[in-house]
């Protein structure tokens, strides 16, 4: 067998083995390494096109992390930074979809001072809430 062909087949074998290992590992771990950070901050004004939710009854407590982030931001009067609640484990990445698709998520244009997120009236304050999800990737050792 030609040396170049043998090297090519060997390289393909390593790639296929690595891909199969990744698939098996992903199926066994599920979304256990997924993390979503739900963040909120108090804002002075609301964009004209944004829909504001009124959460006097704690409706958003049904969405994991959202109620806690809102309460922390209002209690600490966080305005210049974000008050975040990190959630990890199975299905946490779906929180990003819930905020951006199931709730009235405002998307700001690049030239305006407003934040993208869900605007919520809580107590005497208005809060913007957003979420970012990611998966932790462990480095492979060879």
Protein backbone atom coordinates (compact mmCIF):
# COMPACT_ATOMS: atom_id res chain seq x y z
CA UNK A 1 0.00 0.00 0.00
CA UNK A 2 1.20 3.47 -0.85
CA UNK A 3 2.65 5.39 2.13
CA UNK A 4 0.55 8.51 1.37
CA UNK A 5 -2.64 6.44 1.26
CA UNK A 6 -1.71 4.70 4.53
CA UNK A 7 -1.05 8.09 6.22
CA UNK A 8 -4.37 9.41 4.92
CA UNK A 9 -6.29 6.38 6.23
CA UNK A 10 -4.54 6.64 9.59
CA UNK A 11 -5.44 10.33 9.87
CA UNK A 12 -9.05 9.63 8.93
CA UNK A 13 -9.17 6.88 11.54
CA UNK A 14 -8.02 9.29 14.25
CA UNK A 15 -10.60 11.90 13.18
CA UNK A 16 -13.44 9.35 13.17
CA UNK A 17 -12.40 7.97 16.55
CA UNK A 18 -12.22 11.45 18.08
CA UNK A 19 -15.63 12.39 16.67
CA UNK A 20 -17.19 9.14 17.94
CA UNK A 21 -15.69 9.75 21.39
CA UNK A 22 -17.18 13.24 21.44
CA UNK A 23 -20.63 11.98 20.46
CA UNK A 24 -20.61 9.22 23.05
CA UNK A 25 -19.39 11.60 25.74
CA UNK A 26 -22.03 14.18 24.84
CA UNK A 27 -24.84 11.62 24.92
CA UNK A 28 -23.78 10.32 28.30
CA UNK A 29 -23.26 13.74 29.86
CA UNK A 30 -26.30 15.43 28.29
CA UNK A 31 -26.42 19.13 29.13
CA UNK A 32 -24.86 18.61 32.56
CA UNK A 33 -22.05 20.99 31.65
CA UNK A 34 -24.41 23.70 30.37
CA UNK A 35 -24.54 27.00 32.25
CA UNK A 36 -26.94 29.91 31.86
CA UNK A 37 -26.40 33.26 33.48
CA UNK A 38 -29.61 35.27 34.07
CA UNK A 39 -28.71 38.91 34.69
CA UNK A 40 -30.72 41.98 35.67
CA UNK A 41 -30.13 45.64 36.36
CA UNK A 42 -32.23 48.67 37.26
CA UNK A 43 -32.75 51.18 34.44
CA UNK A 44 -33.87 54.78 34.44
CA UNK A 45 -35.92 54.76 31.27
CA UNK A 46 -37.55 52.27 28.94
CA UNK A 47 -37.21 52.27 25.15
CA UNK A 48 -40.34 53.55 23.40
CA UNK A 49 -40.83 50.27 21.49
CA UNK A 50 -40.31 47.99 24.50
CA UNK A 51 -43.16 46.15 26.20
CA UNK A 52 -42.92 46.35 29.99
CA UNK A 53 -44.10 43.42 32.08
CA UNK A 54 -45.56 44.14 35.51
CA UNK A 55 -44.37 41.55 37.99
CA UNK A 56 -46.12 42.55 41.18
CA UNK A 57 -47.44 39.01 41.63
CA UNK A 58 -44.13 37.23 41.06
CA UNK A 59 -45.20 35.72 37.74
CA UNK A 60 -41.60 35.54 36.55
CA UNK A 61 -40.63 33.42 39.56
CA UNK A 62 -41.81 30.51 37.41
CA UNK A 63 -38.81 31.04 35.14
CA UNK A 64 -35.72 29.77 36.99
CA UNK A 65 -33.28 32.50 38.00
CA UNK A 66 -35.33 35.40 36.65
CA UNK A 67 -37.23 36.30 39.83
CA UNK A 68 -34.07 36.02 41.93
CA UNK A 69 -32.05 38.21 39.55
CA UNK A 70 -34.80 40.86 39.50
CA UNK A 71 -35.15 40.94 43.30
CA UNK A 72 -31.37 41.16 43.79
CA UNK A 73 -31.03 43.99 41.27
CA UNK A 74 -33.84 45.98 42.91
CA UNK A 75 -32.79 45.24 46.50
CA UNK A 76 -29.18 46.28 45.78
CA UNK A 77 -30.19 49.05 43.34
CA UNK A 78 -27.75 47.70 40.75
CA UNK A 79 -27.54 50.17 37.86
CA UNK A 80 -24.03 50.19 36.44
CA UNK A 81 -23.36 46.45 36.63
CA UNK A 82 -25.43 43.30 36.28
CA UNK A 83 -26.79 41.21 39.13
CA UNK A 84 -26.48 37.64 37.87
CA UNK A 85 -27.83 34.25 38.87
CA UNK A 86 -25.93 31.32 37.35
CA UNK A 87 -27.78 28.08 36.75
CA UNK A 88 -26.17 24.86 35.60
CA UNK A 89 -27.33 21.45 34.55
CA UNK A 90 -29.77 19.86 32.19
CA UNK A 91 -32.06 22.19 30.21
CA UNK A 92 -30.61 25.48 31.47
CA UNK A 93 -29.76 26.58 27.93
CA UNK A 94 -33.50 26.70 27.22
CA UNK A 95 -33.80 29.71 29.53
CA UNK A 96 -32.22 31.86 26.84
CA UNK A 97 -34.97 30.79 24.42
CA UNK A 98 -37.68 31.41 27.02
CA UNK A 99 -36.49 34.97 27.58
CA UNK A 100 -35.88 35.78 23.92
CA UNK A 101 -38.85 34.04 22.31
CA UNK A 102 -41.58 33.48 24.89
CA UNK A 103 -41.37 36.86 26.62
CA UNK A 104 -41.38 40.34 25.01
CA UNK A 105 -37.61 40.58 24.48
CA UNK A 106 -36.54 44.01 23.30
CA UNK A 107 -33.62 44.09 20.85
CA UNK A 108 -31.83 47.42 20.87
CA UNK A 109 -30.15 48.86 17.85
CA UNK A 110 -26.46 49.61 18.11
CA UNK A 111 -26.90 53.37 18.19
CA UNK A 112 -29.20 53.68 21.20
CA UNK A 113 -28.38 53.69 24.92
CA UNK A 114 -30.92 51.02 25.90
CA UNK A 115 -30.12 47.42 26.76
CA UNK A 116 -31.53 44.40 24.95
CA UNK A 117 -33.67 42.29 27.24
CA UNK A 118 -37.03 41.88 28.90
CA UNK A 119 -38.17 45.04 30.70
CA UNK A 120 -39.97 44.40 33.97
CA UNK A 121 -41.65 46.75 36.44
CA UNK A 122 -40.98 45.36 39.91
CA UNK A 123 -41.86 47.31 43.01
CA UNK A 124 -40.98 50.92 42.31
CA UNK A 125 -38.21 50.11 39.83
CA UNK A 126 -37.89 49.09 36.21
CA UNK A 127 -35.43 46.30 35.50
CA UNK A 128 -34.01 44.85 32.29
CA UNK A 129 -33.37 41.09 32.33
CA UNK A 130 -31.29 39.06 29.90
CA UNK A 131 -29.71 35.60 29.78
CA UNK A 132 -26.60 34.09 28.24
CA UNK A 133 -26.08 30.36 27.95
CA UNK A 134 -22.98 28.37 27.16
CA UNK A 135 -21.54 24.90 27.46
CA UNK A 136 -18.35 24.13 29.26
CA UNK A 137 -15.91 22.27 27.08
CA UNK A 138 -13.22 20.24 28.74
CA UNK A 139 -9.93 20.14 26.93
CA UNK A 140 -9.03 16.79 25.43
CA UNK A 141 -5.75 15.23 26.45
CA UNK A 142 -3.90 13.12 23.94
